[in-house]
Amino acid sequence: MKLTVEANFTDPDAFYASLTDLHRELNRQQSESANARLILLLANHIGDLAVLEEALTIAGEVK
């Protein structure tokens, strides 16, 4: 399996709205905790260590 980096959302605006709604009433610590839980849930769903490591590498690149 390889990491998909091309747009793959059926409705990216709806996802963004849901993500911002999640954080709207949270303080910084709660927001960071929610982000960590979301990352772990999605990583568990992906399950492939090579794909996750590729995502970590890309996410860590400084632009």
PDB file of N, CA and C in Angstrom:
ATOM      1  N   MET A   1       0.849  -1.180   0.000  1.00  0.00           N
ATOM      2  CA  MET A   1       0.000   0.000   0.000  1.00  0.00           C
ATOM      3  C   MET A   1       0.889   1.236   0.000  1.00  0.00           C
ATOM      4  N   LYS A   2       0.465   2.266  -0.704  1.00  0.00           N
ATOM      5  CA  LYS A   2       1.195   3.532  -0.779  1.00  0.00           C
ATOM      6  C   LYS A   2       0.264   4.659  -0.331  1.00  0.00           C
ATOM      7  N   LEU A   3       0.858   5.652   0.275  1.00  0.00           N
ATOM      8  CA  LEU A   3       0.093   6.804   0.757  1.00  0.00           C
ATOM      9  C   LEU A   3      -0.524   7.558  -0.423  1.00  0.00           C
ATOM     10  N   THR A   4      -1.803   7.848  -0.328  1.00  0.00           N
ATOM     11  CA  THR A   4      -2.491   8.660  -1.326  1.00  0.00           C
ATOM     12  C   THR A   4      -2.293  10.126  -0.962  1.00  0.00           C
ATOM     13  N   VAL A   5      -1.651  10.877  -1.848  1.00  0.00           N
ATOM     14  CA  VAL A   5      -1.419  12.298  -1.578  1.00  0.00           C
ATOM     15  C   VAL A   5      -2.233  13.196  -2.506  1.00  0.00           C
ATOM     16  N   GLU A   6      -2.878  12.608  -3.502  1.00  0.00           N
ATOM     17  CA  GLU A   6      -3.763  13.379  -4.368  1.00  0.00           C
ATOM     18  C   GLU A   6      -5.095  13.579  -3.646  1.00  0.00           C
ATOM     19  N   ALA A   7      -5.826  14.618  -4.038  1.00  0.00           N
ATOM     20  CA  ALA A   7      -7.131  14.874  -3.423  1.00  0.00           C
ATOM     21  C   ALA A   7      -8.001  13.626  -3.517  1.00  0.00           C
ATOM     22  N   ASN A   8      -8.575  13.232  -2.381  1.00  0.00           N
ATOM     23  CA  ASN A   8      -9.351  11.997  -2.311  1.00  0.00           C
ATOM     24  C   ASN A   8     -10.646  12.190  -1.521  1.00  0.00           C
ATOM     25  N   PHE A   9     -11.002  13.440  -1.248  1.00  0.00           N
ATOM     26  CA  PHE A   9     -12.206  13.755  -0.487  1.00  0.00           C
ATOM     27  C   PHE A   9     -13.429  13.739  -1.394  1.00  0.00           C
ATOM     28  N   THR A  10     -14.536  13.209  -0.889  1.00  0.00           N
ATOM     29  CA  THR A  10     -15.785  13.343  -1.632  1.00  0.00           C
ATOM     30  C   THR A  10     -16.364  14.739  -1.419  1.00  0.00           C
ATOM     31  N   ASP A  11     -16.115  15.324  -0.242  1.00  0.00           N
ATOM     32  CA  ASP A  11     -16.606  16.669   0.057  1.00  0.00           C
ATOM     33  C   ASP A  11     -15.639  17.344   1.037  1.00  0.00           C
ATOM     34  N   PRO A  12     -14.536  17.894   0.525  1.00  0.00           N
ATOM     35  CA  PRO A  12     -13.537  18.481   1.419  1.00  0.00           C
ATOM     36  C   PRO A  12     -14.074  19.640   2.254  1.00  0.00           C
ATOM     37  N   ASP A  13     -14.985  20.420   1.715  1.00  0.00           N
ATOM     38  CA  ASP A  13     -15.542  21.549   2.472  1.00  0.00           C
ATOM     39  C   ASP A  13     -16.342  21.063   3.673  1.00  0.00           C
ATOM     40  N   ALA A  14     -17.082  19.983   3.505  1.00  0.00           N
ATOM     41  CA  ALA A  14     -17.864  19.422   4.616  1.00  0.00           C
ATOM     42  C   ALA A  14     -16.934  18.890   5.700  1.00  0.00           C
ATOM     43  N   PHE A  15     -15.843  18.230   5.287  1.00  0.00           N
ATOM     44  CA  PHE A  15     -14.891  17.735   6.291  1.00  0.00           C
ATOM     45  C   PHE A  15     -14.259  18.897   7.044  1.00  0.00           C
ATOM     46  N   TYR A  16     -13.840  19.933   6.322  1.00  0.00           N
ATOM     47  CA  TYR A  16     -13.230  21.094   6.967  1.00  0.00           C
ATOM     48  C   TYR A  16     -14.210  21.738   7.950  1.00  0.00           C
ATOM     49  N   ALA A  17     -15.454  21.849   7.550  1.00  0.00           N
ATOM     50  CA  ALA A  17     -16.472  22.416   8.446  1.00  0.00           C
ATOM     51  C   ALA A  17     -16.624  21.555   9.705  1.00  0.00           C
ATOM     52  N   SER A  18     -16.655  20.251   9.545  1.00  0.00           N
ATOM     53  CA  SER A  18     -16.767  19.352  10.693  1.00  0.00           C
ATOM     54  C   SER A  18     -15.550  19.470  11.605  1.00  0.00           C
ATOM     55  N   LEU A  19     -14.372  19.571  11.008  1.00  0.00           N
ATOM     56  CA  LEU A  19     -13.142  19.699  11.793  1.00  0.00           C
ATOM     57  C   LEU A  19     -13.121  21.004  12.574  1.00  0.00           C
ATOM     58  N   THR A  20     -13.506  22.093  11.927  1.00  0.00           N
ATOM     59  CA  THR A  20     -13.527  23.367  12.647  1.00  0.00           C
ATOM     60  C   THR A  20     -14.630  23.391  13.702  1.00  0.00           C
ATOM     61  N   ASP A  21     -15.751  22.752  13.430  1.00  0.00           N
ATOM     62  CA  ASP A  21     -16.814  22.643  14.440  1.00  0.00           C
ATOM     63  C   ASP A  21     -16.319  21.894  15.673  1.00  0.00           C
ATOM     64  N   LEU A  22     -15.535  20.835  15.457  1.00  0.00           N
ATOM     65  CA  LEU A  22     -14.991  20.055  16.564  1.00  0.00           C
ATOM     66  C   LEU A  22     -14.184  20.940  17.510  1.00  0.00           C
ATOM     67  N   HIS A  23     -13.426  21.876  16.941  1.00  0.00           N
ATOM     68  CA  HIS A  23     -12.499  22.692  17.733  1.00  0.00           C
ATOM     69  C   HIS A  23     -13.107  23.991  18.256  1.00  0.00           C
ATOM     70  N   ARG A  24     -14.256  24.362  17.767  1.00  0.00           N
ATOM     71  CA  ARG A  24     -14.829  25.677  18.055  1.00  0.00           C
ATOM     72  C   ARG A  24     -14.940  25.977  19.558  1.00  0.00           C
ATOM     73  N   GLU A  25     -15.425  25.055  20.350  1.00  0.00           N
ATOM     74  CA  GLU A  25     -15.669  25.302  21.779  1.00  0.00           C
ATOM     75  C   GLU A  25     -14.552  24.776  22.678  1.00  0.00           C
ATOM     76  N   LEU A  26     -13.459  24.301  22.078  1.00  0.00           N
ATOM     77  CA  LEU A  26     -12.380  23.705  22.868  1.00  0.00           C
ATOM     78  C   LEU A  26     -11.295  24.729  23.172  1.00  0.00           C
ATOM     79  N   ASN A  27     -10.679  24.588  24.358  1.00  0.00           N
ATOM     80  CA  ASN A  27      -9.506  25.406  24.637  1.00  0.00           C
ATOM     81  C   ASN A  27      -8.302  24.748  23.966  1.00  0.00           C
ATOM     82  N   ARG A  28      -7.151  25.360  24.053  1.00  0.00           N
ATOM     83  CA  ARG A  28      -5.968  24.855  23.338  1.00  0.00           C
ATOM     84  C   ARG A  28      -5.624  23.427  23.733  1.00  0.00           C
ATOM     85  N   GLN A  29      -5.609  23.137  25.024  1.00  0.00           N
ATOM     86  CA  GLN A  29      -5.261  21.789  25.488  1.00  0.00           C
ATOM     87  C   GLN A  29      -6.277  20.755  24.977  1.00  0.00           C
ATOM     88  N   GLN A  30      -7.552  21.084  25.054  1.00  0.00           N
ATOM     89  CA  GLN A  30      -8.589  20.174  24.562  1.00  0.00           C
ATOM     90  C   GLN A  30      -8.477  19.977  23.057  1.00  0.00           C
ATOM     91  N   SER A  31      -8.158  21.055  22.338  1.00  0.00           N
ATOM     92  CA  SER A  31      -8.003  20.980  20.893  1.00  0.00           C
ATOM     93  C   SER A  31      -6.828  20.083  20.512  1.00  0.00           C
ATOM     94  N   GLU A  32      -5.709  20.240  21.207  1.00  0.00           N
ATOM     95  CA  GLU A  32      -4.547  19.395  20.946  1.00  0.00           C
ATOM     96  C   GLU A  32      -4.841  17.935  21.270  1.00  0.00           C
ATOM     97  N   SER A  33      -5.588  17.699  22.328  1.00  0.00           N
ATOM     98  CA  SER A  33      -5.970  16.337  22.702  1.00  0.00           C
ATOM     99  C   SER A  33      -6.898  15.723  21.652  1.00  0.00           C
ATOM    100  N   ALA A  34      -7.850  16.515  21.157  1.00  0.00           N
ATOM    101  CA  ALA A  34      -8.757  16.030  20.116  1.00  0.00           C
ATOM    102  C   ALA A  34      -7.980  15.705  18.846  1.00  0.00           C
ATOM    103  N   ASN A  35      -7.011  16.560  18.491  1.00  0.00           N
ATOM    104  CA  ASN A  35      -6.184  16.290  17.319  1.00  0.00           C
ATOM    105  C   ASN A  35      -5.400  14.997  17.492  1.00  0.00           C
ATOM    106  N   ALA A  36      -4.819  14.793  18.667  1.00  0.00           N
ATOM    107  CA  ALA A  36      -4.051  13.569  18.920  1.00  0.00           C
ATOM    108  C   ALA A  36      -4.943  12.338  18.815  1.00  0.00           C
ATOM    109  N   ARG A  37      -6.133  12.400  19.383  1.00  0.00           N
ATOM    110  CA  ARG A  37      -7.058  11.261  19.302  1.00  0.00           C
ATOM    111  C   ARG A  37      -7.469  10.998  17.857  1.00  0.00           C
ATOM    112  N   LEU A  38      -7.729  12.071  17.102  1.00  0.00           N
ATOM    113  CA  LEU A  38      -8.102  11.921  15.698  1.00  0.00           C
ATOM    114  C   LEU A  38      -6.969  11.268  14.905  1.00  0.00           C
ATOM    115  N   ILE A  39      -5.740  11.725  15.121  1.00  0.00           N
ATOM    116  CA  ILE A  39      -4.586  11.139  14.438  1.00  0.00           C
ATOM    117  C   ILE A  39      -4.472   9.655  14.766  1.00  0.00           C
ATOM    118  N   LEU A  40      -4.607   9.290  16.034  1.00  0.00           N
ATOM    119  CA  LEU A  40      -4.487   7.881  16.421  1.00  0.00           C
ATOM    120  C   LEU A  40      -5.633   7.041  15.854  1.00  0.00           C
ATOM    121  N   LEU A  41      -6.829   7.578  15.828  1.00  0.00           N
ATOM    122  CA  LEU A  41      -7.959   6.847  15.235  1.00  0.00           C
ATOM    123  C   LEU A  41      -7.734   6.596  13.743  1.00  0.00           C
ATOM    124  N   LEU A  42      -7.293   7.631  13.034  1.00  0.00           N
ATOM    125  CA  LEU A  42      -7.058   7.480  11.597  1.00  0.00           C
ATOM    126  C   LEU A  42      -5.853   6.576  11.330  1.00  0.00           C
ATOM    127  N   ALA A  43      -4.807   6.679  12.152  1.00  0.00           N
ATOM    128  CA  ALA A  43      -3.647   5.789  12.003  1.00  0.00           C
ATOM    129  C   ALA A  43      -4.052   4.344  12.222  1.00  0.00           C
ATOM    130  N   ASN A  44      -4.896   4.104  13.204  1.00  0.00           N
ATOM    131  CA  ASN A  44      -5.389   2.753  13.450  1.00  0.00           C
ATOM    132  C   ASN A  44      -6.202   2.252  12.257  1.00  0.00           C
ATOM    133  N   HIS A  45      -6.991   3.119  11.675  1.00  0.00           N
ATOM    134  CA  HIS A  45      -7.796   2.740  10.512  1.00  0.00           C
ATOM    135  C   HIS A  45      -6.899   2.368   9.328  1.00  0.00           C
ATOM    136  N   ILE A  46      -5.830   3.141   9.116  1.00  0.00           N
ATOM    137  CA  ILE A  46      -4.887   2.861   8.025  1.00  0.00           C
ATOM    138  C   ILE A  46      -4.140   1.563   8.317  1.00  0.00           C
ATOM    139  N   GLY A  47      -3.568   1.476   9.507  1.00  0.00           N
ATOM    140  CA  GLY A  47      -2.971   0.238   9.981  1.00  0.00           C
ATOM    141  C   GLY A  47      -1.656  -0.184   9.359  1.00  0.00           C
ATOM    142  N   ASP A  48      -1.248   0.385   8.259  1.00  0.00           N
ATOM    143  CA  ASP A  48      -0.033  -0.019   7.557  1.00  0.00           C
ATOM    144  C   ASP A  48       1.113   0.889   7.994  1.00  0.00           C
ATOM    145  N   LEU A  49       2.107   0.308   8.685  1.00  0.00           N
ATOM    146  CA  LEU A  49       3.193   1.102   9.243  1.00  0.00           C
ATOM    147  C   LEU A  49       3.972   1.844   8.161  1.00  0.00           C
ATOM    148  N   ALA A  50       4.199   1.227   7.021  1.00  0.00           N
ATOM    149  CA  ALA A  50       4.945   1.895   5.949  1.00  0.00           C
ATOM    150  C   ALA A  50       4.200   3.143   5.464  1.00  0.00           C
ATOM    151  N   VAL A  51       2.895   3.044   5.328  1.00  0.00           N
ATOM    152  CA  VAL A  51       2.088   4.197   4.903  1.00  0.00           C
ATOM    153  C   VAL A  51       2.126   5.279   5.973  1.00  0.00           C
ATOM    154  N   LEU A  52       2.017   4.886   7.226  1.00  0.00           N
ATOM    155  CA  LEU A  52       2.045   5.856   8.320  1.00  0.00           C
ATOM    156  C   LEU A  52       3.402   6.549   8.400  1.00  0.00           C
ATOM    157  N   GLU A  53       4.485   5.798   8.210  1.00  0.00           N
ATOM    158  CA  GLU A  53       5.818   6.399   8.238  1.00  0.00           C
ATOM    159  C   GLU A  53       6.005   7.362   7.070  1.00  0.00           C
ATOM    160  N   GLU A  54       5.466   7.017   5.898  1.00  0.00           N
ATOM    161  CA  GLU A  54       5.519   7.930   4.756  1.00  0.00           C
ATOM    162  C   GLU A  54       4.766   9.208   5.065  1.00  0.00           C
ATOM    163  N   ALA A  55       3.601   9.086   5.687  1.00  0.00           N
ATOM    164  CA  ALA A  55       2.815  10.269   6.065  1.00  0.00           C
ATOM    165  C   ALA A  55       3.569  11.118   7.078  1.00  0.00           C
ATOM    166  N   LEU A  56       4.218  10.492   8.044  1.00  0.00           N
ATOM    167  CA  LEU A  56       4.998  11.241   9.041  1.00  0.00           C
ATOM    168  C   LEU A  56       6.144  11.991   8.374  1.00  0.00           C
ATOM    169  N   THR A  57       6.815  11.364   7.430  1.00  0.00           N
ATOM    170  CA  THR A  57       7.910  12.004   6.722  1.00  0.00           C
ATOM    171  C   THR A  57       7.406  13.232   5.964  1.00  0.00           C
ATOM    172  N   ILE A  58       6.322  13.080   5.237  1.00  0.00           N
ATOM    173  CA  ILE A  58       5.772  14.197   4.464  1.00  0.00           C
ATOM    174  C   ILE A  58       5.296  15.312   5.396  1.00  0.00           C
ATOM    175  N   ALA A  59       4.617  14.929   6.467  1.00  0.00           N
ATOM    176  CA  ALA A  59       4.089  15.923   7.407  1.00  0.00           C
ATOM    177  C   ALA A  59       5.217  16.702   8.092  1.00  0.00           C
ATOM    178  N   GLY A  60       6.365  16.060   8.273  1.00  0.00           N
ATOM    179  CA  GLY A  60       7.482  16.701   8.964  1.00  0.00           C
ATOM    180  C   GLY A  60       8.356  17.560   8.076  1.00  0.00           C
ATOM    181  N   GLU A  61       8.118  17.557   6.762  1.00  0.00           N
ATOM    182  CA  GLU A  61       8.913  18.376   5.853  1.00  0.00           C
ATOM    183  C   GLU A  61       8.599  19.855   6.081  1.00  0.00           C
ATOM    184  N   VAL A  62       9.638  20.623   6.225  1.00  0.00           N
ATOM    185  CA  VAL A  62       9.484  22.067   6.424  1.00  0.00           C
ATOM    186  C   VAL A  62       9.401  22.718   5.048  1.00  0.00           C
ATOM    187  N   LYS A  63       8.376  23.508   4.875  1.00  0.00           N
ATOM    188  CA  LYS A  63       8.180  24.198   3.586  1.00  0.00           C
ATOM    189  C   LYS A  63       8.461  25.660   3.731  1.00  0.00           C
TER     190      LYS A  63
END
